[in-house]
Amino acid sequence: YTELMGKLSPDIMLAPLTDSRTNRSKCYNKYIEFGVVGAAGIFSHLEPYTTVVHEGVNGYFVNSDDADSWYQKLVSVLNDVPGLRKVQRQAQEDVLTNHSVKNLIDEFCHLVSSVIDSKERTS
């Protein structure tokens, strides 16, 4: 998927979510998928996106889930191409710096080790 998206090199990708318990419990993989290929994301203004996306900095939010709100945001973004390019760069930089496997592997291994250690102490 990421290889295909990289070849397509989209400028903008959309990530709509409805406000539900299930969607609020998701992770922000779409932000990572979009950022790694240099696309700016337009997201529903909901968790999990609100934990990593900052409006106009590394992505965009739509506050309502109706089609007109999505259309208006898309038009707004496309009317500011220099701003779009800045958001694309900042999203990609953030993803590669803060969310890449290379940068998270040590933390992940430490977490796995602590779970194993905890399990061994309780056995």
N, C-alpha and C. Protein backbone atom coordinates (compact mmCIF):
# COMPACT_ATOMS: atom_id res chain seq x y z
N TYR A 1 0.83 -1.19 0.00
CA TYR A 1 0.00 0.00 0.00
C TYR A 1 0.87 1.25 0.00
N THR A 2 1.83 1.32 0.91
CA THR A 2 2.69 2.49 0.99
C THR A 2 3.52 2.66 -0.28
N GLU A 3 3.99 1.54 -0.83
CA GLU A 3 4.75 1.61 -2.08
C GLU A 3 3.89 2.18 -3.20
N LEU A 4 2.65 1.72 -3.31
CA LEU A 4 1.74 2.22 -4.34
C LEU A 4 1.45 3.70 -4.12
N MET A 5 1.17 4.09 -2.89
CA MET A 5 0.90 5.50 -2.60
C MET A 5 2.12 6.35 -2.90
N GLY A 6 3.31 5.84 -2.60
CA GLY A 6 4.53 6.56 -2.91
C GLY A 6 4.68 6.79 -4.40
N LYS A 7 4.33 5.80 -5.20
CA LYS A 7 4.41 5.93 -6.66
C LYS A 7 3.37 6.93 -7.17
N LEU A 8 2.19 6.90 -6.59
CA LEU A 8 1.14 7.82 -7.00
C LEU A 8 1.45 9.25 -6.56
N SER A 9 2.14 9.40 -5.44
CA SER A 9 2.55 10.69 -4.90
C SER A 9 1.39 11.68 -4.78
N PRO A 10 0.35 11.33 -4.02
CA PRO A 10 -0.79 12.23 -3.88
C PRO A 10 -0.41 13.48 -3.09
N ASP A 11 -1.03 14.58 -3.42
CA ASP A 11 -0.81 15.82 -2.67
C ASP A 11 -1.66 15.85 -1.41
N ILE A 12 -2.88 15.33 -1.52
CA ILE A 12 -3.84 15.39 -0.41
C ILE A 12 -4.53 14.04 -0.30
N MET A 13 -4.76 13.61 0.93
CA MET A 13 -5.56 12.40 1.18
C MET A 13 -6.57 12.72 2.27
N LEU A 14 -7.69 12.02 2.24
CA LEU A 14 -8.78 12.27 3.18
C LEU A 14 -8.94 11.13 4.16
N ALA A 15 -9.28 11.47 5.40
CA ALA A 15 -9.50 10.46 6.43
C ALA A 15 -10.75 10.82 7.24
N PRO A 16 -11.92 10.55 6.67
CA PRO A 16 -13.15 10.82 7.41
C PRO A 16 -13.45 9.72 8.42
N LEU A 17 -13.91 10.12 9.58
CA LEU A 17 -14.39 9.19 10.61
C LEU A 17 -15.70 9.71 11.15
N THR A 18 -16.58 8.79 11.52
CA THR A 18 -17.78 9.20 12.25
C THR A 18 -17.45 9.19 13.73
N ASP A 19 -18.15 9.98 14.49
CA ASP A 19 -17.90 10.08 15.92
C ASP A 19 -18.55 8.89 16.63
N SER A 20 -17.77 7.84 16.81
CA SER A 20 -18.26 6.65 17.50
C SER A 20 -17.17 6.13 18.44
N ARG A 21 -17.56 5.33 19.38
CA ARG A 21 -16.61 4.76 20.34
C ARG A 21 -15.53 3.95 19.62
N THR A 22 -15.94 3.19 18.63
CA THR A 22 -14.98 2.38 17.87
C THR A 22 -13.96 3.26 17.17
N ASN A 23 -14.41 4.30 16.49
CA ASN A 23 -13.48 5.17 15.77
C ASN A 23 -12.57 5.95 16.70
N ARG A 24 -13.08 6.36 17.87
CA ARG A 24 -12.25 7.09 18.83
C ARG A 24 -11.17 6.19 19.42
N SER A 25 -11.32 4.88 19.33
CA SER A 25 -10.33 3.96 19.89
C SER A 25 -9.28 3.54 18.86
N LYS A 26 -9.38 4.04 17.65
CA LYS A 26 -8.41 3.69 16.61
C LYS A 26 -7.10 4.43 16.83
N CYS A 27 -6.06 3.97 16.16
CA CYS A 27 -4.80 4.69 16.19
C CYS A 27 -4.72 5.60 14.96
N TYR A 28 -3.71 6.41 14.91
CA TYR A 28 -3.62 7.42 13.85
C TYR A 28 -2.77 6.93 12.67
N ASN A 29 -2.95 5.68 12.28
CA ASN A 29 -2.18 5.11 11.16
C ASN A 29 -2.35 5.90 9.88
N LYS A 30 -3.53 6.43 9.62
CA LYS A 30 -3.74 7.20 8.38
C LYS A 30 -2.81 8.41 8.35
N TYR A 31 -2.61 9.06 9.47
CA TYR A 31 -1.68 10.20 9.52
C TYR A 31 -0.28 9.74 9.12
N ILE A 32 0.15 8.60 9.63
CA ILE A 32 1.47 8.07 9.31
C ILE A 32 1.54 7.68 7.84
N GLU A 33 0.52 6.98 7.34
CA GLU A 33 0.48 6.57 5.93
C GLU A 33 0.55 7.78 5.00
N PHE A 34 -0.20 8.82 5.33
CA PHE A 34 -0.21 10.02 4.49
C PHE A 34 1.13 10.72 4.55
N GLY A 35 1.64 10.93 5.75
CA GLY A 35 2.87 11.68 5.93
C GLY A 35 4.08 11.03 5.32
N VAL A 36 4.17 9.71 5.42
CA VAL A 36 5.36 9.04 4.91
C VAL A 36 5.50 9.20 3.39
N VAL A 37 4.39 9.37 2.68
CA VAL A 37 4.46 9.56 1.23
C VAL A 37 4.40 11.03 0.85
N GLY A 38 4.41 11.92 1.84
CA GLY A 38 4.43 13.35 1.56
C GLY A 38 3.10 13.97 1.22
N ALA A 39 2.01 13.31 1.59
CA ALA A 39 0.68 13.85 1.34
C ALA A 39 0.19 14.61 2.57
N ALA A 40 -0.54 15.68 2.33
CA ALA A 40 -1.21 16.38 3.42
C ALA A 40 -2.54 15.68 3.67
N GLY A 41 -2.87 15.47 4.92
CA GLY A 41 -4.13 14.82 5.25
C GLY A 41 -5.18 15.82 5.68
N ILE A 42 -6.39 15.54 5.27
CA ILE A 42 -7.56 16.24 5.79
C ILE A 42 -8.32 15.21 6.60
N PHE A 43 -8.49 15.49 7.88
CA PHE A 43 -9.02 14.52 8.85
C PHE A 43 -10.29 15.02 9.51
N SER A 44 -11.13 14.09 9.93
CA SER A 44 -12.23 14.43 10.82
C SER A 44 -11.62 14.95 12.11
N HIS A 45 -12.22 15.95 12.71
CA HIS A 45 -11.69 16.54 13.94
C HIS A 45 -12.07 15.67 15.14
N LEU A 46 -11.46 14.48 15.17
CA LEU A 46 -11.76 13.49 16.20
C LEU A 46 -10.47 12.78 16.60
N GLU A 47 -10.52 12.18 17.81
CA GLU A 47 -9.45 11.25 18.15
C GLU A 47 -9.55 10.10 17.17
N PRO A 48 -8.49 9.55 16.74
CA PRO A 48 -7.12 9.66 17.22
C PRO A 48 -6.34 10.80 16.57
N TYR A 49 -6.91 11.44 15.55
CA TYR A 49 -6.15 12.44 14.80
C TYR A 49 -5.83 13.68 15.63
N THR A 50 -6.69 14.06 16.54
CA THR A 50 -6.45 15.27 17.32
C THR A 50 -5.23 15.14 18.22
N THR A 51 -4.73 13.93 18.42
CA THR A 51 -3.54 13.76 19.25
C THR A 51 -2.25 14.06 18.51
N VAL A 52 -2.27 14.06 17.17
CA VAL A 52 -1.03 14.27 16.40
C VAL A 52 -1.13 15.38 15.36
N VAL A 53 -2.31 15.70 14.91
CA VAL A 53 -2.46 16.68 13.84
C VAL A 53 -2.72 18.06 14.44
N HIS A 54 -2.05 19.05 13.88
CA HIS A 54 -2.24 20.45 14.27
C HIS A 54 -2.68 21.19 13.01
N GLU A 55 -3.86 21.79 13.08
CA GLU A 55 -4.48 22.45 11.94
C GLU A 55 -3.52 23.41 11.24
N GLY A 56 -3.35 23.18 9.94
CA GLY A 56 -2.51 24.06 9.15
C GLY A 56 -1.02 23.92 9.37
N VAL A 57 -0.63 23.01 10.25
CA VAL A 57 0.79 22.78 10.53
C VAL A 57 1.24 21.47 9.88
N ASN A 58 0.60 20.36 10.26
CA ASN A 58 0.94 19.05 9.69
C ASN A 58 -0.30 18.31 9.19
N GLY A 59 -1.35 19.04 8.97
CA GLY A 59 -2.59 18.46 8.47
C GLY A 59 -3.72 19.46 8.61
N TYR A 60 -4.91 19.00 8.27
CA TYR A 60 -6.09 19.85 8.31
C TYR A 60 -7.24 19.08 8.94
N PHE A 61 -8.17 19.84 9.52
CA PHE A 61 -9.36 19.24 10.11
C PHE A 61 -10.63 19.73 9.43
N VAL A 62 -11.61 18.85 9.39
CA VAL A 62 -12.97 19.20 9.02
C VAL A 62 -13.80 19.01 10.28
N ASN A 63 -14.54 20.04 10.67
CA ASN A 63 -15.28 19.96 11.93
C ASN A 63 -16.64 19.31 11.83
N SER A 64 -17.14 19.15 10.63
CA SER A 64 -18.44 18.52 10.43
C SER A 64 -18.29 17.42 9.39
N ASP A 65 -19.07 16.37 9.52
CA ASP A 65 -18.89 15.24 8.61
C ASP A 65 -19.78 15.30 7.36
N ASP A 66 -20.38 16.46 7.09
CA ASP A 66 -21.21 16.55 5.89
C ASP A 66 -20.34 16.83 4.66
N ALA A 67 -20.84 16.46 3.51
CA ALA A 67 -20.08 16.56 2.26
C ALA A 67 -19.66 18.00 1.96
N ASP A 68 -20.51 18.98 2.26
CA ASP A 68 -20.18 20.36 1.97
C ASP A 68 -18.97 20.83 2.79
N SER A 69 -18.86 20.41 4.03
CA SER A 69 -17.71 20.78 4.86
C SER A 69 -16.42 20.21 4.30
N TRP A 70 -16.47 18.97 3.83
CA TRP A 70 -15.29 18.35 3.22
C TRP A 70 -14.93 19.08 1.94
N TYR A 71 -15.92 19.41 1.13
CA TYR A 71 -15.68 20.13 -0.12
C TYR A 71 -15.06 21.50 0.16
N GLN A 72 -15.63 22.23 1.11
CA GLN A 72 -15.12 23.57 1.43
C GLN A 72 -13.68 23.52 1.95
N LYS A 73 -13.35 22.53 2.76
CA LYS A 73 -11.98 22.40 3.26
C LYS A 73 -11.03 22.09 2.12
N LEU A 74 -11.43 21.19 1.24
CA LEU A 74 -10.60 20.83 0.10
C LEU A 74 -10.35 22.06 -0.79
N VAL A 75 -11.38 22.83 -1.07
CA VAL A 75 -11.23 24.05 -1.86
C VAL A 75 -10.29 25.03 -1.15
N SER A 76 -10.47 25.18 0.13
CA SER A 76 -9.63 26.09 0.92
C SER A 76 -8.16 25.70 0.85
N VAL A 77 -7.89 24.42 1.00
CA VAL A 77 -6.52 23.91 0.95
C VAL A 77 -5.93 24.13 -0.44
N LEU A 78 -6.69 23.81 -1.47
CA LEU A 78 -6.20 23.95 -2.84
C LEU A 78 -6.01 25.40 -3.25
N ASN A 79 -6.68 26.32 -2.59
CA ASN A 79 -6.52 27.75 -2.88
C ASN A 79 -5.27 28.34 -2.23
N ASP A 80 -4.58 27.54 -1.42
CA ASP A 80 -3.34 28.00 -0.77
C ASP A 80 -2.25 26.95 -1.00
N VAL A 81 -1.77 26.86 -2.23
CA VAL A 81 -0.77 25.85 -2.59
C VAL A 81 0.51 26.01 -1.78
N PRO A 82 1.03 27.23 -1.55
CA PRO A 82 2.23 27.33 -0.70
C PRO A 82 1.99 26.79 0.72
N GLY A 83 0.82 27.05 1.26
CA GLY A 83 0.48 26.50 2.58
C GLY A 83 0.38 24.99 2.54
N LEU A 84 -0.20 24.45 1.47
CA LEU A 84 -0.30 23.00 1.30
C LEU A 84 1.09 22.38 1.26
N ARG A 85 2.01 22.97 0.49
CA ARG A 85 3.37 22.42 0.40
C ARG A 85 4.06 22.43 1.76
N LYS A 86 3.84 23.47 2.53
CA LYS A 86 4.42 23.56 3.87
C LYS A 86 3.88 22.45 4.77
N VAL A 87 2.56 22.25 4.73
CA VAL A 87 1.93 21.20 5.53
C VAL A 87 2.46 19.82 5.10
N GLN A 88 2.59 19.60 3.80
CA GLN A 88 3.12 18.32 3.32
C GLN A 88 4.52 18.06 3.89
N ARG A 89 5.38 19.05 3.80
CA ARG A 89 6.75 18.90 4.30
C ARG A 89 6.77 18.64 5.81
N GLN A 90 5.97 19.40 6.54
CA GLN A 90 5.98 19.27 8.01
C GLN A 90 5.38 17.94 8.44
N ALA A 91 4.36 17.47 7.76
CA ALA A 91 3.78 16.17 8.10
C ALA A 91 4.79 15.06 7.83
N GLN A 92 5.45 15.12 6.68
CA GLN A 92 6.43 14.08 6.35
C GLN A 92 7.60 14.11 7.34
N GLU A 93 8.08 15.28 7.66
CA GLU A 93 9.18 15.40 8.62
C GLU A 93 8.77 14.85 9.98
N ASP A 94 7.57 15.19 10.43
CA ASP A 94 7.09 14.69 11.73
C ASP A 94 6.98 13.18 11.73
N VAL A 95 6.41 12.62 10.69
CA VAL A 95 6.25 11.16 10.62
C VAL A 95 7.61 10.46 10.61
N LEU A 96 8.51 10.93 9.78
CA LEU A 96 9.82 10.28 9.69
C LEU A 96 10.65 10.46 10.96
N THR A 97 10.48 11.59 11.64
CA THR A 97 11.25 11.86 12.85
C THR A 97 10.65 11.19 14.08
N ASN A 98 9.33 11.23 14.21
CA ASN A 98 8.70 10.82 15.46
C ASN A 98 7.90 9.53 15.41
N HIS A 99 7.65 8.99 14.23
CA HIS A 99 6.77 7.83 14.14
C HIS A 99 7.34 6.69 13.32
N SER A 100 8.60 6.77 12.93
CA SER A 100 9.19 5.70 12.11
C SER A 100 9.64 4.54 12.99
N VAL A 101 9.69 3.37 12.41
CA VAL A 101 10.14 2.18 13.13
C VAL A 101 11.55 2.40 13.66
N LYS A 102 12.40 2.97 12.83
CA LYS A 102 13.79 3.21 13.22
C LYS A 102 13.88 4.02 14.52
N ASN A 103 13.01 4.99 14.67
CA ASN A 103 13.05 5.85 15.85
C ASN A 103 12.25 5.31 17.03
N LEU A 104 11.40 4.34 16.80
CA LEU A 104 10.56 3.80 17.88
C LEU A 104 10.95 2.40 18.32
N ILE A 105 11.87 1.76 17.62
CA ILE A 105 12.18 0.36 17.91
C ILE A 105 12.73 0.16 19.32
N ASP A 106 13.60 1.03 19.78
CA ASP A 106 14.16 0.88 21.13
C ASP A 106 13.06 0.98 22.19
N GLU A 107 12.18 1.95 22.03
CA GLU A 107 11.06 2.11 22.97
C GLU A 107 10.16 0.88 22.94
N PHE A 108 9.88 0.37 21.74
CA PHE A 108 9.04 -0.82 21.59
C PHE A 108 9.69 -2.03 22.26
N CYS A 109 10.98 -2.24 22.02
CA CYS A 109 11.69 -3.38 22.62
C CYS A 109 11.70 -3.28 24.14
N HIS A 110 11.88 -2.07 24.65
CA HIS A 110 11.85 -1.86 26.10
C HIS A 110 10.47 -2.23 26.66
N LEU A 111 9.43 -1.83 25.96
CA LEU A 111 8.06 -2.15 26.40
C LEU A 111 7.84 -3.66 26.41
N VAL A 112 8.25 -4.35 25.36
CA VAL A 112 8.10 -5.80 25.29
C VAL A 112 8.90 -6.46 26.41
N SER A 113 10.11 -6.02 26.65
CA SER A 113 10.94 -6.58 27.72
C SER A 113 10.30 -6.39 29.08
N SER A 114 9.71 -5.21 29.31
CA SER A 114 9.07 -4.97 30.61
C SER A 114 7.85 -5.87 30.81
N VAL A 115 7.13 -6.16 29.74
CA VAL A 115 5.99 -7.07 29.84
C VAL A 115 6.49 -8.48 30.15
N ILE A 116 7.54 -8.90 29.48
CA ILE A 116 8.12 -10.24 29.74
C ILE A 116 8.62 -10.31 31.17
N ASP A 117 9.34 -9.29 31.63
CA ASP A 117 9.86 -9.27 32.99
C ASP A 117 8.72 -9.33 34.01
N SER A 118 7.67 -8.59 33.75
CA SER A 118 6.51 -8.58 34.65
C SER A 118 5.86 -9.95 34.69
N LYS A 119 5.73 -10.57 33.56
CA LYS A 119 5.13 -11.91 33.47
C LYS A 119 5.97 -12.93 34.24
N GLU A 120 7.29 -12.84 34.11
CA GLU A 120 8.18 -13.78 34.81
C GLU A 120 8.10 -13.60 36.32
N ARG A 121 7.93 -12.36 36.79
CA ARG A 121 7.83 -12.11 38.23
C ARG A 121 6.55 -12.63 38.82
N THR A 122 5.49 -12.70 38.02
CA THR A 122 4.19 -13.16 38.54
C THR A 122 4.01 -14.67 38.37
N SER A 123 4.93 -15.30 37.66
CA SER A 123 4.78 -16.74 37.41
C SER A 123 5.34 -17.56 38.56
